């Protein structure tokens, strides 16, 4: 009595090659689509975090007679309490320190020296990363979101471009004074790669180091369908827009604070 299995016909070489070719073609279609889906998901997370910051700004203003917190924090002052009165706002009332408790997070200043909240926290855009060879930044790491410094150009800030002697504003903005809240930028995605500053034309040596900054530091890190890069912006009426750039072609090379009448950046 014979035992064993009856022979069956296997795949031919040509059939295997056809299957491999079809699988490769499907992978070539699916992998880019999956990558785009992941990128879109991270952009949605980024905008969601900006919305949460917007709610925190709104609540803070309601609880403080319509005033926003200060733009700068201890990233400007270091760990030693400042001796100048004008710098005390940075020490005590920076937005990066007074707003997080409203969202159940700890203030930035409570993180250790040269530490920073990670990409899974409210503080960071989920795709914002330092280059592998980029040196560790001042004090507490990096800021991938920045408040618009032009909202309160007080005595220790860069003056508007057309007012080199200064046009000092108060250290705290009264929101009722904002002429066009839907136009004026409150918070924006900030560069971490120095070479991509000034609308992608020049280097910003302080990229990511401060929680308040200027148009030169806007980051275009999210890619739209069609390949165009841009970033998300929170405005003073708390809506969010995606823009490819905030840099104007007519601006002079190396501009820091814009012209004083620019209501995209100045509140009044």
Protein backbone atom coordinates (compact mmCIF):
# COMPACT_ATOMS: atom_id res chain seq x y z
CA UNK A 1 0.00 0.00 0.00
CA UNK A 2 1.42 3.29 -1.07
CA UNK A 3 1.44 6.24 1.28
CA UNK A 4 2.28 9.91 0.83
CA UNK A 5 0.76 13.01 -0.67
CA UNK A 6 -0.45 13.40 -4.14
CA UNK A 7 1.66 15.95 -5.95
CA UNK A 8 0.11 19.37 -6.56
CA UNK A 9 1.05 21.95 -9.09
CA UNK A 10 2.89 25.00 -7.61
CA UNK A 11 3.20 28.56 -8.90
CA UNK A 12 5.31 29.02 -11.95
CA UNK A 13 8.14 31.56 -11.94
CA UNK A 14 6.15 33.85 -14.20
CA UNK A 15 3.14 33.74 -11.85
CA UNK A 16 5.35 34.58 -8.87
CA UNK A 17 6.88 37.50 -10.73
CA UNK A 18 3.43 38.80 -11.62
CA UNK A 19 2.31 38.61 -7.97
CA UNK A 20 5.48 40.37 -6.82
CA UNK A 21 5.03 43.08 -9.43
CA UNK A 22 1.41 43.69 -8.44
CA UNK A 23 2.34 43.77 -4.75
CA UNK A 24 5.13 46.24 -5.45
CA UNK A 25 2.81 48.46 -7.47
CA UNK A 26 0.21 48.45 -4.67
CA UNK A 27 2.88 49.30 -2.10
CA UNK A 28 4.07 52.13 -4.31
CA UNK A 29 0.54 53.53 -4.31
CA UNK A 30 -0.31 52.87 -0.67
CA UNK A 31 2.88 53.97 1.09
CA UNK A 32 2.84 57.59 -0.15
CA UNK A 33 -0.87 57.75 0.66
CA UNK A 34 -0.18 56.48 4.19
CA UNK A 35 2.65 59.00 4.58
CA UNK A 36 0.33 61.83 3.50
CA UNK A 37 -2.33 60.59 5.92
CA UNK A 38 0.16 60.56 8.79
CA UNK A 39 1.35 64.06 7.91
CA UNK A 40 -2.23 65.32 7.73
CA UNK A 41 -3.01 63.73 11.09
CA UNK A 42 -0.05 65.53 12.66
CA UNK A 43 -1.16 68.81 11.12
CA UNK A 44 -4.62 68.30 12.65
CA UNK A 45 -3.00 67.63 16.04
CA UNK A 46 -0.90 70.78 15.68
CA UNK A 47 -3.95 72.91 14.92
CA UNK A 48 -5.83 71.30 17.79
CA UNK A 49 -3.04 72.34 20.15
CA UNK A 50 -3.14 75.89 18.81
CA UNK A 51 -6.90 75.93 19.46
CA UNK A 52 -6.27 74.87 23.06
CA UNK A 53 -3.78 77.70 23.44
CA UNK A 54 -6.39 80.04 21.98
CA UNK A 55 -8.93 78.96 24.59
CA UNK A 56 -6.33 79.48 27.32
CA UNK A 57 -5.56 83.00 26.06
CA UNK A 58 -9.28 83.77 26.01
CA UNK A 59 -9.89 82.44 29.53
CA UNK A 60 -6.85 84.29 30.87
CA UNK A 61 -8.05 87.56 29.34
CA UNK A 62 -11.52 87.09 30.86
CA UNK A 63 -10.01 86.47 34.29
CA UNK A 64 -7.57 89.41 34.03
CA UNK A 65 -9.74 92.36 32.96
CA UNK A 66 -9.15 91.77 29.26
CA UNK A 67 -5.35 91.62 29.38
CA UNK A 68 -3.17 89.01 27.68
CA UNK A 69 -0.16 87.57 29.52
CA UNK A 70 3.32 88.83 28.67
CA UNK A 71 4.99 87.66 25.46
CA UNK A 72 8.41 86.75 26.79
CA UNK A 73 9.33 84.34 29.57
CA UNK A 74 12.41 83.30 31.46
CA UNK A 75 14.05 82.22 28.21
CA UNK A 76 15.06 85.90 27.94
CA UNK A 77 16.25 86.26 31.52
CA UNK A 78 17.82 82.95 32.48
CA UNK A 79 17.40 81.48 35.95
CA UNK A 80 18.43 84.58 37.89
CA UNK A 81 15.71 87.02 38.88
CA UNK A 82 16.16 90.24 36.88
CA UNK A 83 17.09 93.47 38.64
CA UNK A 84 15.44 95.82 36.12
CA UNK A 85 11.76 96.51 36.70
CA UNK A 86 11.02 96.32 32.97
CA UNK A 87 12.19 92.67 32.94
CA UNK A 88 9.96 91.47 35.78
CA UNK A 89 7.09 90.79 33.37
CA UNK A 90 9.30 88.17 31.65
CA UNK A 91 10.06 86.56 35.00
CA UNK A 92 6.54 86.30 36.38
CA UNK A 93 3.96 86.59 33.60
CA UNK A 94 5.20 84.94 30.41
CA UNK A 95 2.39 83.25 28.47
CA UNK A 96 4.34 80.00 28.37
CA UNK A 97 4.19 79.91 32.19
CA UNK A 98 0.80 81.34 33.18
CA UNK A 99 -1.40 79.64 30.55
CA UNK A 100 -0.47 75.93 30.87
CA UNK A 101 -2.11 75.50 34.33
CA UNK A 102 -5.39 76.52 32.68
CA UNK A 103 -5.00 73.40 30.51
CA UNK A 104 -3.82 71.09 33.27
CA UNK A 105 -0.15 71.32 32.29
CA UNK A 106 2.80 72.55 34.32
CA UNK A 107 4.49 75.87 33.47
CA UNK A 108 7.50 75.79 31.16
CA UNK A 109 9.66 77.31 33.92
CA UNK A 110 9.05 74.21 36.05
CA UNK A 111 11.05 72.06 33.63
CA UNK A 112 14.73 71.57 34.46
CA UNK A 113 17.52 73.54 32.84
CA UNK A 114 18.06 72.48 29.21
CA UNK A 115 15.01 70.23 29.32
CA UNK A 116 11.86 70.69 27.30
CA UNK A 117 8.35 69.25 26.95
CA UNK A 118 8.29 66.59 24.23
CA UNK A 119 6.36 66.42 20.94
CA UNK A 120 3.45 64.63 22.65
CA UNK A 121 2.66 67.69 24.79
CA UNK A 122 0.61 70.84 24.25
CA UNK A 123 3.84 72.83 23.94
CA UNK A 124 5.05 71.37 20.66
CA UNK A 125 4.02 70.84 17.08
CA UNK A 126 4.23 67.02 16.70
CA UNK A 127 6.54 67.19 13.66
CA UNK A 128 8.85 69.95 14.93
CA UNK A 129 12.33 68.55 15.45
CA UNK A 130 15.83 69.87 15.92
CA UNK A 131 18.43 68.75 13.42
CA UNK A 132 20.56 65.90 14.74
CA UNK A 133 23.68 68.11 14.64
CA UNK A 134 21.99 71.20 16.10
CA UNK A 135 23.38 72.34 19.42
CA UNK A 136 21.18 72.31 22.50
CA UNK A 137 19.37 75.63 22.82
CA UNK A 138 19.36 78.12 25.66
CA UNK A 139 17.91 77.23 29.04
CA UNK A 140 14.83 75.11 28.47
CA UNK A 141 15.22 73.61 25.02
CA UNK A 142 13.14 74.84 22.12
CA UNK A 143 9.85 76.57 21.34
CA UNK A 144 8.05 75.34 18.22
CA UNK A 145 5.25 77.88 18.84
CA UNK A 146 5.90 81.59 19.37
CA UNK A 147 3.70 84.48 20.45
CA UNK A 148 3.74 87.52 18.17
CA UNK A 149 6.25 89.89 19.80
CA UNK A 150 4.73 92.91 18.04
CA UNK A 151 1.68 92.75 20.31
CA UNK A 152 3.64 94.51 23.05
CA UNK A 153 6.90 96.08 21.95
CA UNK A 154 7.85 97.49 25.34
CA UNK A 155 11.15 99.16 26.24
CA UNK A 156 13.27 96.01 26.06
CA UNK A 157 12.06 94.87 22.63
CA UNK A 158 13.14 95.46 19.03
CA UNK A 159 11.48 98.70 17.77
CA UNK A 160 9.26 98.76 14.66
CA UNK A 161 11.22 99.04 11.41
CA UNK A 162 10.02 102.58 10.68
CA UNK A 163 10.51 103.79 14.28
CA UNK A 164 14.14 103.01 15.11
CA UNK A 165 14.02 105.13 18.27
CA UNK A 166 11.19 102.99 19.62
CA UNK A 167 7.44 103.31 19.97
CA UNK A 168 7.11 101.74 23.35
CA UNK A 169 3.94 99.83 24.07
CA UNK A 170 2.84 98.52 27.49
CA UNK A 171 4.16 95.16 28.65
CA UNK A 172 0.61 93.73 28.71
CA UNK A 173 -1.88 94.06 25.86
CA UNK A 174 -5.45 95.10 26.62
CA UNK A 175 -7.43 92.99 24.14
CA UNK A 176 -10.09 95.67 23.71
CA UNK A 177 -7.47 97.77 21.91
CA UNK A 178 -6.95 95.23 19.12
CA UNK A 179 -8.33 96.93 16.00
CA UNK A 180 -8.72 93.80 13.83
CA UNK A 181 -8.61 90.63 15.95
CA UNK A 182 -9.39 88.42 12.95
CA UNK A 183 -6.34 89.81 11.12
CA UNK A 184 -3.76 90.18 13.88
CA UNK A 185 -1.52 87.19 14.60
CA UNK A 186 -1.41 85.88 18.16
CA UNK A 187 0.56 82.63 17.99
CA UNK A 188 2.40 80.99 15.09
CA UNK A 189 4.55 77.98 14.28
CA UNK A 190 8.18 78.85 14.86
CA UNK A 191 11.34 77.72 13.09
CA UNK A 192 13.72 75.25 14.64
CA UNK A 193 15.99 75.16 11.56
CA UNK A 194 17.99 78.42 11.51
CA UNK A 195 18.72 78.40 7.77
CA UNK A 196 15.04 78.68 6.80
CA UNK A 197 14.29 82.10 8.30
CA UNK A 198 13.12 85.36 6.73
CA UNK A 199 10.70 83.57 4.43
CA UNK A 200 13.28 80.92 3.59
CA UNK A 201 15.91 83.39 2.38
CA UNK A 202 18.32 83.75 5.30
CA UNK A 203 19.43 82.32 8.62
CA UNK A 204 17.82 83.07 11.98
CA UNK A 205 20.50 82.31 14.52
CA UNK A 206 18.00 82.33 17.42
CA UNK A 207 15.53 79.93 15.77
CA UNK A 208 13.36 78.30 18.42
CA UNK A 209 15.12 79.88 21.38
CA UNK A 210 12.41 82.29 22.51
CA UNK A 211 8.68 81.99 23.17
CA UNK A 212 8.04 85.38 21.54
CA UNK A 213 9.31 86.24 18.07
CA UNK A 214 8.85 88.06 14.74
CA UNK A 215 7.89 87.21 11.14
CA UNK A 216 11.44 86.08 10.38
CA UNK A 217 10.84 83.01 12.59
CA UNK A 218 7.65 81.68 10.94
CA UNK A 219 7.95 77.99 10.07
CA UNK A 220 6.49 76.34 6.97
CA UNK A 221 6.65 72.71 8.13
CA UNK A 222 3.30 71.22 7.03
CA UNK A 223 2.83 70.07 3.44
CA UNK A 224 -0.49 70.58 1.65
CA UNK A 225 -1.69 68.46 -1.32
CA UNK A 226 0.39 69.58 -4.25
CA UNK A 227 3.53 69.80 -2.16
CA UNK A 228 3.26 73.38 -0.87
CA UNK A 229 4.70 73.86 2.61
CA UNK A 230 3.14 76.17 5.18
CA UNK A 231 2.33 76.66 8.84
CA UNK A 232 -0.65 77.22 11.10
CA UNK A 233 -1.43 80.56 12.74
CA UNK A 234 -3.69 81.43 15.68
CA UNK A 235 -5.26 84.88 15.39
CA UNK A 236 -6.51 87.23 18.10
CA UNK A 237 -10.12 86.22 17.49
CA UNK A 238 -8.93 82.62 18.11
CA UNK A 239 -9.51 81.23 14.63
CA UNK A 240 -6.73 79.29 12.87
CA UNK A 241 -5.44 79.59 9.32
CA UNK A 242 -2.80 77.76 7.31
CA UNK A 243 -0.44 80.00 5.32
CA UNK A 244 2.50 79.23 3.08
CA UNK A 245 4.36 82.29 4.38
CA UNK A 246 3.94 85.51 6.37
CA UNK A 247 6.92 87.18 4.74
CA UNK A 248 6.20 90.07 2.36
CA UNK A 249 8.22 90.53 -0.83
CA UNK A 250 8.43 94.28 -0.24
CA UNK A 251 10.01 93.95 3.20
CA UNK A 252 13.70 94.93 3.38
CA UNK A 253 16.35 92.28 3.86
CA UNK A 254 16.94 91.37 7.47
CA UNK A 255 13.76 92.99 8.81
CA UNK A 256 13.06 92.27 12.46
CA UNK A 257 9.87 93.99 13.70
CA UNK A 258 7.58 95.03 10.80
CA UNK A 259 6.35 98.52 10.00
CA UNK A 260 4.20 100.02 12.75
CA UNK A 261 1.02 100.25 10.63
CA UNK A 262 0.97 96.53 9.77
CA UNK A 263 -2.17 95.17 11.45
CA UNK A 264 -1.18 91.58 10.69
CA UNK A 265 1.38 92.03 13.46
CA UNK A 266 0.49 95.14 15.48
CA UNK A 267 -2.76 95.32 17.49
CA UNK A 268 -3.45 99.03 16.86
